[in-house]
């Protein structure tokens, strides 16, 4: 009888875990599309909530961490995967916590599925500015996350609507300045 109960509990646990495991598998697959195959192969994958808290879904071996979109079934407006190196992940955690990033650390990120932002000038924007008709669309790109590097890059900065077909600085003149370099 005891073995039958243990077997039933094991089956129930497996059935309950299957949807979560399938969701994690989908999130991992989506996250890895943000980086080139050579980076994605050894990257960790972690889910990030709206507060910037991270939950690891897969361990990595190469120092990169890929973050899936919030809804892996729908990659689109406000929903793109990204991959970060060590300092890039540190930067994004600081961004969500609204802490100034370490100015001596330069991070790197891939967003090969593209991305978006509410604003190109206001890092704290969480909705469109009055009169702004659409969010900032960003084609597939890499980012250099570090205010000093971005602000000293010589690329256009401070534009409300940047030419997203060329490199530009997002959030220029702030501690969250990023150099965005389109790759397509």
Protein backbone atom coordinates (compact mmCIF):
# COMPACT_ATOMS: atom_id res chain seq x y z
CA UNK A 1 0.00 0.00 0.00
CA UNK A 2 2.82 2.39 0.95
CA UNK A 3 4.54 1.77 -2.41
CA UNK A 4 1.29 2.44 -4.26
CA UNK A 5 0.84 5.78 -2.45
CA UNK A 6 4.46 6.76 -3.17
CA UNK A 7 4.04 5.83 -6.84
CA UNK A 8 0.82 7.88 -7.07
CA UNK A 9 2.56 10.87 -5.46
CA UNK A 10 5.46 10.58 -7.91
CA UNK A 11 3.09 10.50 -10.90
CA UNK A 12 1.14 13.48 -9.55
CA UNK A 13 4.34 15.45 -9.00
CA UNK A 14 5.52 14.68 -12.54
CA UNK A 15 2.18 15.76 -14.00
CA UNK A 16 2.21 19.01 -12.04
CA UNK A 17 5.81 19.74 -13.00
CA UNK A 18 5.29 19.06 -16.73
CA UNK A 19 3.58 22.39 -17.58
CA UNK A 20 6.25 24.31 -15.65
CA UNK A 21 9.01 22.32 -17.34
CA UNK A 22 7.44 22.91 -20.76
CA UNK A 23 7.13 26.64 -20.04
CA UNK A 24 10.79 26.82 -18.94
CA UNK A 25 11.83 24.93 -22.10
CA UNK A 26 9.95 27.48 -24.23
CA UNK A 27 11.47 30.39 -22.32
CA UNK A 28 14.96 28.95 -22.76
CA UNK A 29 14.46 28.49 -26.50
CA UNK A 30 13.15 32.06 -26.91
CA UNK A 31 15.92 33.58 -24.77
CA UNK A 32 18.67 31.95 -26.80
CA UNK A 33 17.41 33.57 -30.03
CA UNK A 34 18.74 36.91 -28.77
CA UNK A 35 22.40 35.97 -29.28
CA UNK A 36 24.58 34.45 -32.01
CA UNK A 37 24.72 30.63 -31.83
CA UNK A 38 28.27 30.62 -30.44
CA UNK A 39 27.23 32.76 -27.48
CA UNK A 40 23.82 31.12 -27.00
CA UNK A 41 25.33 27.61 -26.82
CA UNK A 42 27.02 28.25 -23.47
CA UNK A 43 24.80 30.99 -22.07
CA UNK A 44 22.87 30.70 -18.85
CA UNK A 45 19.16 31.46 -19.13
CA UNK A 46 17.30 33.32 -16.42
CA UNK A 47 13.83 34.73 -16.05
CA UNK A 48 13.65 38.35 -14.86
CA UNK A 49 10.54 39.75 -13.26
CA UNK A 50 9.37 43.38 -13.46
CA UNK A 51 11.42 44.23 -10.36
CA UNK A 52 14.62 42.86 -11.89
CA UNK A 53 14.72 39.72 -9.72
CA UNK A 54 16.34 36.80 -11.52
CA UNK A 55 15.43 33.12 -11.46
CA UNK A 56 17.88 30.81 -13.23
CA UNK A 57 16.32 28.40 -15.73
CA UNK A 58 19.56 26.96 -17.11
CA UNK A 59 23.17 27.16 -15.94
CA UNK A 60 25.76 28.54 -18.34
CA UNK A 61 29.46 28.10 -19.03
CA UNK A 62 30.56 31.23 -20.91
CA UNK A 63 29.65 34.23 -18.73
CA UNK A 64 26.60 35.25 -20.78
CA UNK A 65 23.00 35.22 -19.50
CA UNK A 66 20.01 35.29 -21.82
CA UNK A 67 16.65 36.59 -20.61
CA UNK A 68 13.47 35.34 -22.32
CA UNK A 69 10.59 37.61 -23.25
CA UNK A 70 7.86 37.96 -20.62
CA UNK A 71 5.55 35.83 -22.76
CA UNK A 72 7.52 33.29 -24.81
CA UNK A 73 4.49 32.57 -26.99
CA UNK A 74 4.39 36.16 -28.23
CA UNK A 75 7.58 37.96 -29.20
CA UNK A 76 6.55 41.41 -30.30
CA UNK A 77 5.71 44.84 -28.94
CA UNK A 78 7.32 45.20 -25.51
CA UNK A 79 8.43 41.59 -25.54
CA UNK A 80 11.94 40.78 -26.77
CA UNK A 81 14.68 38.44 -25.51
CA UNK A 82 18.14 39.75 -24.63
CA UNK A 83 21.56 38.30 -23.71
CA UNK A 84 24.01 40.02 -21.39
CA UNK A 85 27.62 39.51 -20.41
CA UNK A 86 28.57 39.78 -16.70
CA UNK A 87 28.63 43.59 -16.59
CA UNK A 88 25.63 43.86 -18.89
CA UNK A 89 23.59 41.76 -16.46
CA UNK A 90 24.87 43.92 -13.60
CA UNK A 91 23.76 47.00 -15.57
CA UNK A 92 20.24 45.68 -16.27
CA UNK A 93 19.79 44.72 -12.61
CA UNK A 94 20.85 48.25 -11.62
CA UNK A 95 18.49 49.70 -14.22
CA UNK A 96 15.48 47.84 -12.82
CA UNK A 97 16.48 48.73 -9.25
CA UNK A 98 17.02 52.39 -10.33
CA UNK A 99 20.58 52.27 -8.95
CA UNK A 100 23.34 54.08 -10.81
CA UNK A 101 25.46 51.48 -12.64
CA UNK A 102 29.16 51.22 -11.80
CA UNK A 103 30.76 53.73 -14.21
CA UNK A 104 33.91 51.61 -14.46
CA UNK A 105 32.03 48.55 -15.73
CA UNK A 106 31.14 48.34 -19.41
CA UNK A 107 28.55 45.71 -20.29
CA UNK A 108 27.57 44.16 -23.59
CA UNK A 109 24.23 42.85 -24.80
CA UNK A 110 22.77 41.16 -27.85
CA UNK A 111 19.17 41.72 -28.90
CA UNK A 112 19.14 39.99 -32.27
CA UNK A 113 15.32 39.93 -32.34
CA UNK A 114 15.16 43.70 -31.90
CA UNK A 115 13.73 45.75 -29.07
CA UNK A 116 11.84 48.86 -28.10
CA UNK A 117 11.73 51.67 -25.56
CA UNK A 118 9.12 54.14 -24.36
CA UNK A 119 11.69 56.90 -24.77
CA UNK A 120 15.15 57.46 -26.17
CA UNK A 121 15.92 60.23 -23.69
CA UNK A 122 14.15 59.34 -20.42
CA UNK A 123 15.33 56.09 -18.81
CA UNK A 124 12.51 56.22 -16.26
CA UNK A 125 9.69 56.53 -18.85
CA UNK A 126 7.01 53.89 -18.41
CA UNK A 127 4.53 55.29 -20.93
CA UNK A 128 4.59 57.44 -24.06
CA UNK A 129 5.39 61.10 -23.54
CA UNK A 130 2.57 63.56 -24.31
CA UNK A 131 2.37 63.98 -28.07
CA UNK A 132 4.51 60.90 -28.77
CA UNK A 133 2.54 58.58 -31.06
CA UNK A 134 4.56 55.38 -30.81
CA UNK A 135 7.33 53.73 -28.82
CA UNK A 136 10.94 53.71 -30.10
CA UNK A 137 11.40 50.66 -32.31
CA UNK A 138 14.91 49.23 -32.42
CA UNK A 139 15.93 46.66 -35.06
CA UNK A 140 18.23 43.73 -34.18
CA UNK A 141 21.21 45.24 -32.38
CA UNK A 142 24.04 44.99 -29.89
CA UNK A 143 24.37 47.39 -26.98
CA UNK A 144 27.32 48.77 -25.11
CA UNK A 145 26.01 49.43 -21.61
CA UNK A 146 28.10 52.09 -19.94
CA UNK A 147 27.50 55.83 -19.78
CA UNK A 148 31.12 56.82 -20.28
CA UNK A 149 31.55 54.65 -23.39
CA UNK A 150 28.16 55.67 -24.83
CA UNK A 151 28.48 59.39 -24.15
CA UNK A 152 32.02 59.51 -25.54
CA UNK A 153 31.20 57.44 -28.65
CA UNK A 154 30.49 60.44 -30.89
CA UNK A 155 27.22 58.92 -32.10
CA UNK A 156 23.98 60.95 -32.04
CA UNK A 157 22.51 61.40 -28.58
CA UNK A 158 19.49 63.16 -27.12
CA UNK A 159 17.18 62.63 -30.08
CA UNK A 160 13.53 61.94 -29.23
CA UNK A 161 13.22 59.86 -32.41
CA UNK A 162 16.64 58.49 -33.36
CA UNK A 163 17.51 57.13 -36.79
CA UNK A 164 17.40 53.49 -35.72
CA UNK A 165 19.20 52.34 -38.86
CA UNK A 166 22.50 53.73 -37.54
CA UNK A 167 24.28 53.63 -34.18
CA UNK A 168 22.84 56.03 -31.60
CA UNK A 169 23.01 56.76 -27.90
CA UNK A 170 19.93 56.01 -25.83
CA UNK A 171 19.49 57.87 -22.52
CA UNK A 172 22.55 60.02 -23.31
CA UNK A 173 23.87 62.19 -20.51
CA UNK A 174 22.38 59.93 -17.82
CA UNK A 175 23.99 57.16 -15.76
CA UNK A 176 22.01 54.72 -17.95
CA UNK A 177 23.41 55.84 -21.32
CA UNK A 178 23.63 52.99 -23.85
CA UNK A 179 25.27 52.82 -27.26
CA UNK A 180 22.86 50.96 -29.57
CA UNK A 181 24.43 49.48 -32.71
CA UNK A 182 21.98 48.00 -35.25
CA UNK A 183 23.24 44.85 -36.95
CA UNK A 184 20.73 44.61 -39.81
